[in-house]
Amino acid sequence: MKVLVTGGAGFIGSNYVRSLLGGRYPAFADADVTVFDLLTYAGTLTNLVEVADSPRYRFVQGDIRDAAAVAEVMAGTDVVVHFAAESHVDRSITGAGDFVSTNVVGTQVLLQAALDAGVARFVHVSTDEVYGSIEEGSWPETHPLEPNSPYSASKAGSDLLARAYHRTHGLPVCITRCSNNYGPHQFPEKVIPLFVSNLLDGRKVPLYGDGGNVRDWLHVDDHCRGIQLVVEKGRDGEVYNIGGGTEMSNRELTHLLLDAVGADESMIEPVADRLGHDRRYSVDWSKIADELGYAPQVPFAQGLAGTVAFYRDRRDWWEPLKNG
C-alpha cells in the first residue's frame, strides 16, 4: 500500500502522517508514505522529525500546481490524502490569488494526476467554512455551498472539482469537511496558538469584534481519525462532515486560554472585526457517525490542556515560526 499525503508537513497533515507511521491505524500498518509539500511558511519538517527515520517514509518537496512533479510523485500511488492548501482567512482577505491558485488549480492538477495513475482512493480534505454561516442548527453534507471569504470560496471550488472528477471520470473521491481544528504543531497565526504564545510572552490577545462568533472545536487527533475512517470505508463520491461536538464563542475560548496561563481580562485587546466574519459554524456529523462509526474521543478540556502545555514547553518549535 502506497499513500501520498499532500501538505504532510503542515499542522493536520503531519499529525496524520505521524499517526499513520506510528501504528495508530492498524489497517495501514505496513503502508509506505510519501509526503509531498512545498514547505511554505506553514509547513516545516520539524513536524515530521519523529518519523523521519522510518523506512516507510519518504519526503518530496514540490508544488501541487506543478503537473510534471505531481505526475512523477503520483506514480504507483494507491491512496491520496490531500491536505495541501492555503488556509488562513486573514491572509486570503489581503491576497486571494495564492488561495485560488493553490486550492483550486493545485487540486485540479492532483485530481488529473490521480485519474491518470489509476489511484484507488482520493480523499480531499476540506472545511466547514464552505457552507457559510448558520444562525441555528447544523449543516448536513447536502447544504448548498455559500462561502463568504476568498479562502472558503477557493475551498468550495476545489470541492466541486473533486465532485466533478468523480461524476465525470469515476475517480474514487471522498470529501471531508471539518470544524475548527486545534492541537500541537498548529502554526501560530491561528487563534489558539496565537493567543497562547502571546500570553506566554506577556502580550495581549486580539479579540475580533464582540467575541461572539461561535465555532465547533475538533482536536486534530479526532479529525485525522475521522479522515482515516473515510480512507478505509468511505463511499466513493460522498461528502463526510467531521465535527468535535464542542461549540463556544471566541470570547468563551479566550477566557479559557487566559485561565490556562494565569492571565486576566486586562490581556484582551478588542480589535475591529474581520471583514465578512462568519458568525457561527456548526456541522451535522451524524452521517460519518452512522456509516463509519466516528465519534470524537478527545474531551475538549483535556485536548486544550495538552495543547497549552505543548506551546508552553516547546518554545523551540514555535518561536522560530512566529518570529520568522
Protein backbone atom coordinates (compact mmCIF):
# COMPACT_ATOMS: atom_id res chain seq x y z
CA MET A 1 0.00 0.00 0.00
CA LYS A 2 1.42 3.35 -1.09
CA VAL A 3 -0.08 6.52 0.39
CA LEU A 4 0.61 10.02 -0.93
CA VAL A 5 -0.04 12.80 1.60
CA THR A 6 -0.04 16.32 0.18
CA GLY A 7 0.68 19.08 2.67
CA GLY A 8 2.04 16.46 5.04
CA ALA A 9 4.46 18.87 6.71
CA GLY A 10 1.65 21.15 7.87
CA PHE A 11 -0.37 21.03 11.08
CA ILE A 12 -3.08 18.49 10.24
CA GLY A 13 -1.18 16.62 7.54
CA SER A 14 1.83 15.97 9.76
CA ASN A 15 -0.43 14.70 12.55
CA TYR A 16 -1.95 12.27 10.07
CA VAL A 17 1.48 11.12 8.89
CA ARG A 18 2.77 10.65 12.44
CA SER A 19 -0.35 8.69 13.30
CA LEU A 20 -0.11 6.55 10.18
CA LEU A 21 3.56 5.70 10.63
CA GLY A 22 3.15 5.40 14.40
CA GLY A 23 0.74 2.49 14.08
CA ARG A 24 -2.49 4.20 15.13
CA TYR A 25 -4.30 2.90 12.04
CA PRO A 26 -3.82 -0.90 12.05
CA ALA A 27 -5.27 -1.45 8.57
CA PHE A 28 -2.41 0.67 7.18
CA ALA A 29 0.31 -0.68 9.46
CA ASP A 30 2.55 -1.60 6.52
CA ALA A 31 1.77 1.38 4.29
CA ASP A 32 4.58 3.31 2.65
CA VAL A 33 4.01 7.05 2.99
CA THR A 34 5.23 9.80 0.68
CA VAL A 35 4.81 13.38 1.89
CA PHE A 36 4.61 15.97 -0.90
CA ASP A 37 4.91 19.51 0.44
CA LEU A 38 6.22 22.82 -0.86
CA LEU A 39 7.37 23.85 2.64
CA THR A 40 5.81 27.29 2.53
CA TYR A 41 5.66 29.33 5.74
CA ALA A 42 3.17 26.97 7.43
CA GLY A 43 4.90 23.70 6.55
CA THR A 44 8.04 22.58 8.35
CA LEU A 45 9.99 19.34 8.52
CA THR A 46 10.27 19.80 12.27
CA ASN A 47 6.70 18.46 12.35
CA LEU A 48 7.97 15.15 10.96
CA VAL A 49 11.16 14.66 12.97
CA GLU A 50 9.78 11.71 14.92
CA VAL A 51 9.06 9.70 11.77
CA ALA A 52 11.97 10.90 9.63
CA ASP A 53 13.95 7.68 10.17
CA SER A 54 11.08 5.35 9.32
CA PRO A 55 11.89 3.08 6.37
CA ARG A 56 8.29 3.57 5.23
CA TYR A 57 8.60 7.38 5.00
CA ARG A 58 9.71 9.48 2.06
CA PHE A 59 9.63 13.25 1.66
CA VAL A 60 9.42 15.06 -1.68
CA GLN A 61 9.45 18.84 -1.82
CA GLY A 62 7.19 20.11 -4.56
CA ASP A 63 4.26 22.26 -5.62
CA ILE A 64 0.82 20.71 -6.23
CA ARG A 65 0.43 23.16 -9.15
CA ASP A 66 3.42 21.59 -10.93
CA ALA A 67 1.85 18.94 -13.18
CA ALA A 68 5.13 17.21 -14.02
CA ALA A 69 6.24 16.95 -10.40
CA VAL A 70 2.80 15.76 -9.32
CA ALA A 71 2.65 13.11 -12.05
CA GLU A 72 6.06 11.81 -11.01
CA VAL A 73 5.23 11.54 -7.32
CA MET A 74 1.76 10.10 -8.06
CA ALA A 75 3.13 7.10 -9.98
CA GLY A 76 2.35 3.84 -8.19
CA THR A 77 0.16 5.53 -5.56
CA ASP A 78 -2.82 3.64 -4.16
CA VAL A 79 -4.30 6.29 -1.86
CA VAL A 80 -4.09 10.10 -1.92
CA VAL A 81 -4.93 12.15 1.17
CA HIS A 82 -4.97 15.77 0.07
CA PHE A 83 -4.31 18.30 2.83
CA ALA A 84 -2.22 20.84 0.91
CA ALA A 85 -3.91 24.25 0.91
CA GLU A 86 -3.60 27.89 1.74
CA SER A 87 -5.83 28.05 4.80
CA HIS A 88 -5.68 31.33 6.75
CA VAL A 89 -8.76 33.52 6.22
CA ASP A 90 -7.00 36.78 7.11
CA ARG A 91 -4.31 36.15 4.51
CA SER A 92 -6.96 35.39 1.88
CA ILE A 93 -8.62 38.74 2.52
CA THR A 94 -5.44 40.68 1.81
CA GLY A 95 -4.27 38.45 -1.05
CA ALA A 96 -6.65 35.97 -2.64
CA GLY A 97 -4.51 35.00 -5.63
CA ASP A 98 -2.41 32.34 -3.92
CA PHE A 99 -5.56 30.78 -2.47
CA VAL A 100 -7.22 30.41 -5.85
CA SER A 101 -4.05 29.16 -7.48
CA THR A 102 -3.11 26.61 -4.80
CA ASN A 103 -6.51 25.46 -3.62
CA VAL A 104 -8.34 25.35 -6.95
CA VAL A 105 -5.70 24.87 -9.64
CA GLY A 106 -3.50 22.71 -7.43
CA THR A 107 -6.39 20.41 -6.57
CA GLN A 108 -7.29 20.02 -10.25
CA VAL A 109 -3.69 19.07 -11.06
CA LEU A 110 -3.77 16.43 -8.33
CA LEU A 111 -7.13 15.05 -9.43
CA GLN A 112 -5.98 14.69 -13.01
CA ALA A 113 -2.73 13.01 -11.98
CA ALA A 114 -4.65 10.62 -9.71
CA LEU A 115 -7.02 9.77 -12.56
CA ASP A 116 -4.10 9.15 -14.93
CA ALA A 117 -2.34 6.98 -12.33
CA GLY A 118 -5.44 4.92 -11.51
CA VAL A 119 -5.42 5.55 -7.75
CA ALA A 120 -7.89 3.53 -5.69
CA ARG A 121 -8.94 6.30 -3.29
CA PHE A 122 -8.60 10.09 -3.23
CA VAL A 123 -9.65 11.86 -0.02
CA HIS A 124 -9.98 15.62 -0.40
CA VAL A 125 -9.76 17.38 2.98
CA SER A 126 -11.96 20.49 3.10
CA THR A 127 -13.61 22.75 5.68
CA ASP A 128 -16.99 23.61 7.16
CA GLU A 129 -16.39 27.20 6.04
CA VAL A 130 -17.61 26.32 2.55
CA TYR A 131 -21.16 26.29 3.96
CA GLY A 132 -21.04 29.95 5.04
CA SER A 133 -22.60 30.97 8.35
CA ILE A 134 -25.55 29.42 10.19
CA GLU A 135 -27.60 31.09 12.94
CA GLU A 136 -29.03 27.90 14.43
CA GLY A 137 -28.94 24.18 13.79
CA SER A 138 -26.18 22.36 11.91
CA TRP A 139 -25.28 21.85 8.27
CA PRO A 140 -25.78 18.43 6.67
CA GLU A 141 -23.50 17.49 3.81
CA THR A 142 -26.29 18.35 1.35
CA HIS A 143 -26.44 22.02 2.35
CA PRO A 144 -25.67 24.44 -0.52
CA LEU A 145 -22.19 25.89 -0.52
CA GLU A 146 -22.28 29.60 0.44
CA PRO A 147 -18.69 30.64 1.20
CA ASN A 148 -18.07 34.16 2.47
CA SER A 149 -14.27 34.58 2.33
CA PRO A 150 -11.78 34.15 -0.51
CA TYR A 151 -10.33 31.20 1.43
CA SER A 152 -13.63 29.37 1.80
CA ALA A 153 -14.61 30.20 -1.78
CA SER A 154 -11.39 28.63 -3.04
CA LYS A 155 -12.03 25.53 -0.94
CA ALA A 156 -15.60 25.32 -2.26
CA GLY A 157 -14.20 25.46 -5.78
CA SER A 158 -11.82 22.60 -5.01
CA ASP A 159 -14.67 20.57 -3.50
CA LEU A 160 -16.71 20.97 -6.66
CA LEU A 161 -13.78 19.91 -8.83
CA ALA A 162 -13.33 16.79 -6.71
CA ARG A 163 -17.03 16.01 -7.09
CA ALA A 164 -16.84 16.61 -10.83
CA TYR A 165 -13.90 14.25 -11.28
CA HIS A 166 -15.91 11.54 -9.58
CA ARG A 167 -19.11 12.20 -11.56
CA THR A 168 -17.37 12.71 -14.91
CA HIS A 169 -14.49 10.27 -14.77
CA GLY A 170 -15.42 7.86 -11.97
CA LEU A 171 -12.40 8.85 -9.89
CA PRO A 172 -12.94 7.30 -6.42
CA VAL A 173 -13.10 10.55 -4.47
CA CYS A 174 -14.39 11.31 -0.99
CA ILE A 175 -14.59 14.80 0.51
CA THR A 176 -14.32 15.59 4.22
CA ARG A 177 -15.39 18.89 5.80
CA CYS A 178 -14.15 19.54 9.30
CA SER A 179 -14.88 22.08 12.00
CA ASN A 180 -12.14 24.19 13.65
CA ASN A 181 -9.06 22.12 14.43
CA TYR A 182 -6.76 22.63 17.40
CA GLY A 183 -3.82 20.78 18.91
CA PRO A 184 0.00 20.69 19.00
CA HIS A 185 2.05 21.84 16.00
CA GLN A 186 -0.55 24.34 14.75
CA PHE A 187 1.08 27.34 13.09
CA PRO A 188 0.96 30.32 15.49
CA GLU A 189 -1.19 32.54 13.28
CA LYS A 190 -4.33 30.58 14.21
CA VAL A 191 -6.31 31.71 17.23
CA ILE A 192 -5.37 29.17 19.92
CA PRO A 193 -1.60 29.06 19.33
CA LEU A 194 -1.53 32.82 18.65
CA PHE A 195 -3.31 33.64 21.90
CA VAL A 196 -1.32 31.13 23.99
CA SER A 197 2.05 32.23 22.62
CA ASN A 198 1.14 35.90 23.06
CA LEU A 199 0.10 35.33 26.65
CA LEU A 200 3.23 33.32 27.42
CA ASP A 201 5.22 36.34 26.21
CA GLY A 202 3.14 38.77 28.28
CA ARG A 203 1.46 40.22 25.18
CA LYS A 204 -2.23 40.99 24.76
CA VAL A 205 -4.52 38.89 22.59
CA PRO A 206 -6.51 40.49 19.72
CA LEU A 207 -10.20 39.56 20.02
CA TYR A 208 -12.28 40.31 16.93
CA GLY A 209 -15.45 42.38 17.33
CA ASP A 210 -17.65 41.45 20.27
CA GLY A 211 -16.09 37.99 20.56
CA GLY A 212 -19.46 36.38 19.92
CA ASN A 213 -18.51 34.36 16.85
CA VAL A 214 -19.16 30.68 17.57
CA ARG A 215 -17.03 27.73 16.46
CA ASP A 216 -17.13 23.97 16.99
CA TRP A 217 -13.71 22.74 18.15
CA LEU A 218 -12.22 19.47 16.89
CA HIS A 219 -8.97 18.01 18.21
CA VAL A 220 -6.57 17.20 15.38
CA ASP A 221 -6.29 13.57 16.57
CA ASP A 222 -10.05 13.14 16.20
CA HIS A 223 -10.02 14.83 12.80
CA CYS A 224 -7.31 12.54 11.49
CA ARG A 225 -9.10 9.52 12.93
CA GLY A 226 -12.21 10.56 11.02
CA ILE A 227 -10.21 11.03 7.83
CA GLN A 228 -8.77 7.54 8.16
CA LEU A 229 -12.26 6.07 8.54
CA VAL A 230 -13.16 7.75 5.25
CA VAL A 231 -9.94 6.48 3.65
CA GLU A 232 -10.76 2.92 4.68
CA LYS A 233 -14.55 2.77 4.48
CA GLY A 234 -15.97 5.90 2.85
CA ARG A 235 -18.29 5.56 -0.12
CA ASP A 236 -16.97 6.90 -3.41
CA GLY A 237 -18.40 10.29 -4.33
CA GLU A 238 -19.64 11.07 -0.83
CA VAL A 239 -19.05 14.04 1.47
CA TYR A 240 -18.48 13.48 5.21
CA ASN A 241 -18.66 16.21 7.85
CA ILE A 242 -16.27 15.72 10.79
CA GLY A 243 -17.12 17.63 13.98
CA GLY A 244 -15.82 17.85 17.52
CA GLY A 245 -19.03 18.47 19.43
CA THR A 246 -17.73 21.45 21.45
CA GLU A 247 -19.29 24.77 20.46
CA MET A 248 -18.28 28.02 22.12
CA SER A 249 -17.86 31.68 21.36
CA ASN A 250 -14.45 33.18 20.73
CA ARG A 251 -14.84 35.16 23.94
CA GLU A 252 -15.51 31.99 25.93
CA LEU A 253 -12.47 30.35 24.35
CA THR A 254 -10.34 33.40 25.16
CA HIS A 255 -11.30 33.20 28.84
CA LEU A 256 -10.35 29.52 28.94
CA LEU A 257 -6.94 30.38 27.50
CA LEU A 258 -6.48 33.25 29.97
CA ASP A 259 -7.24 30.87 32.83
CA ALA A 260 -4.88 28.23 31.44
CA VAL A 261 -1.88 30.58 31.59
CA GLY A 262 -2.90 32.53 34.70
CA ALA A 263 -3.79 35.79 32.95
CA ASP A 264 -6.82 38.08 33.37
CA GLU A 265 -9.15 40.12 31.19
CA SER A 266 -6.71 43.02 31.02
CA MET A 267 -4.79 40.94 28.44
CA ILE A 268 -7.69 41.14 25.96
CA GLU A 269 -7.30 43.76 23.24
CA PRO A 270 -10.55 44.31 21.29
CA VAL A 271 -9.88 44.84 17.59
CA ALA A 272 -12.08 45.69 14.60
CA ASP A 273 -13.97 42.69 13.33
CA ARG A 274 -12.65 40.70 10.37
CA LEU A 275 -14.22 41.55 7.01
CA GLY A 276 -17.05 39.15 6.17
CA HIS A 277 -16.59 37.35 9.50
CA ASP A 278 -18.90 34.32 9.67
CA ARG A 279 -20.95 34.39 12.88
CA ARG A 280 -21.38 30.69 13.56
CA TYR A 281 -20.28 27.33 12.14
CA SER A 282 -21.85 24.01 13.06
CA VAL A 283 -21.69 20.73 11.14
CA ASP A 284 -24.02 17.79 11.46
CA TRP A 285 -21.65 14.81 11.64
CA SER A 286 -24.29 12.11 12.11
CA LYS A 287 -23.52 10.67 8.65
CA ILE A 288 -19.93 9.70 9.44
CA ALA A 289 -21.04 8.51 12.87
CA ASP A 290 -23.80 6.29 11.50
CA GLU A 291 -21.98 4.99 8.43
CA LEU A 292 -18.38 4.71 9.61
CA GLY A 293 -18.58 4.65 13.42
CA TYR A 294 -16.90 8.00 14.02
CA ALA A 295 -17.05 9.71 17.40
CA PRO A 296 -14.67 12.30 18.86
CA GLN A 297 -12.54 10.76 21.59
CA VAL A 298 -10.55 13.71 22.96
CA PRO A 299 -12.51 15.69 25.60
CA PHE A 300 -12.10 19.40 24.95
CA ALA A 301 -10.72 20.22 28.41
CA GLN A 302 -8.10 17.50 28.05
CA GLY A 303 -7.22 18.46 24.49
CA LEU A 304 -6.93 22.16 25.31
CA ALA A 305 -4.74 21.48 28.35
CA GLY A 306 -2.43 19.33 26.23
CA THR A 307 -2.28 21.99 23.54
CA VAL A 308 -1.42 24.77 26.00
CA ALA A 309 1.24 22.51 27.55
CA PHE A 310 2.79 21.95 24.11
CA TYR A 311 3.18 25.67 23.46
CA ARG A 312 4.41 26.27 26.99
CA ASP A 313 7.05 23.55 26.71
CA ARG A 314 8.04 23.86 23.04
CA ARG A 315 9.20 27.40 22.51
CA ASP A 316 11.93 25.86 20.39
CA TRP A 317 9.22 24.83 17.94
CA TRP A 318 7.02 27.91 17.71
CA GLU A 319 9.33 30.86 18.33
CA PRO A 320 11.27 30.48 15.06
CA LEU A 321 7.99 30.19 13.14
CA LYS A 322 6.34 33.15 14.82
CA ASN A 323 9.40 35.38 14.63
CA GLY A 324 10.47 34.33 11.16
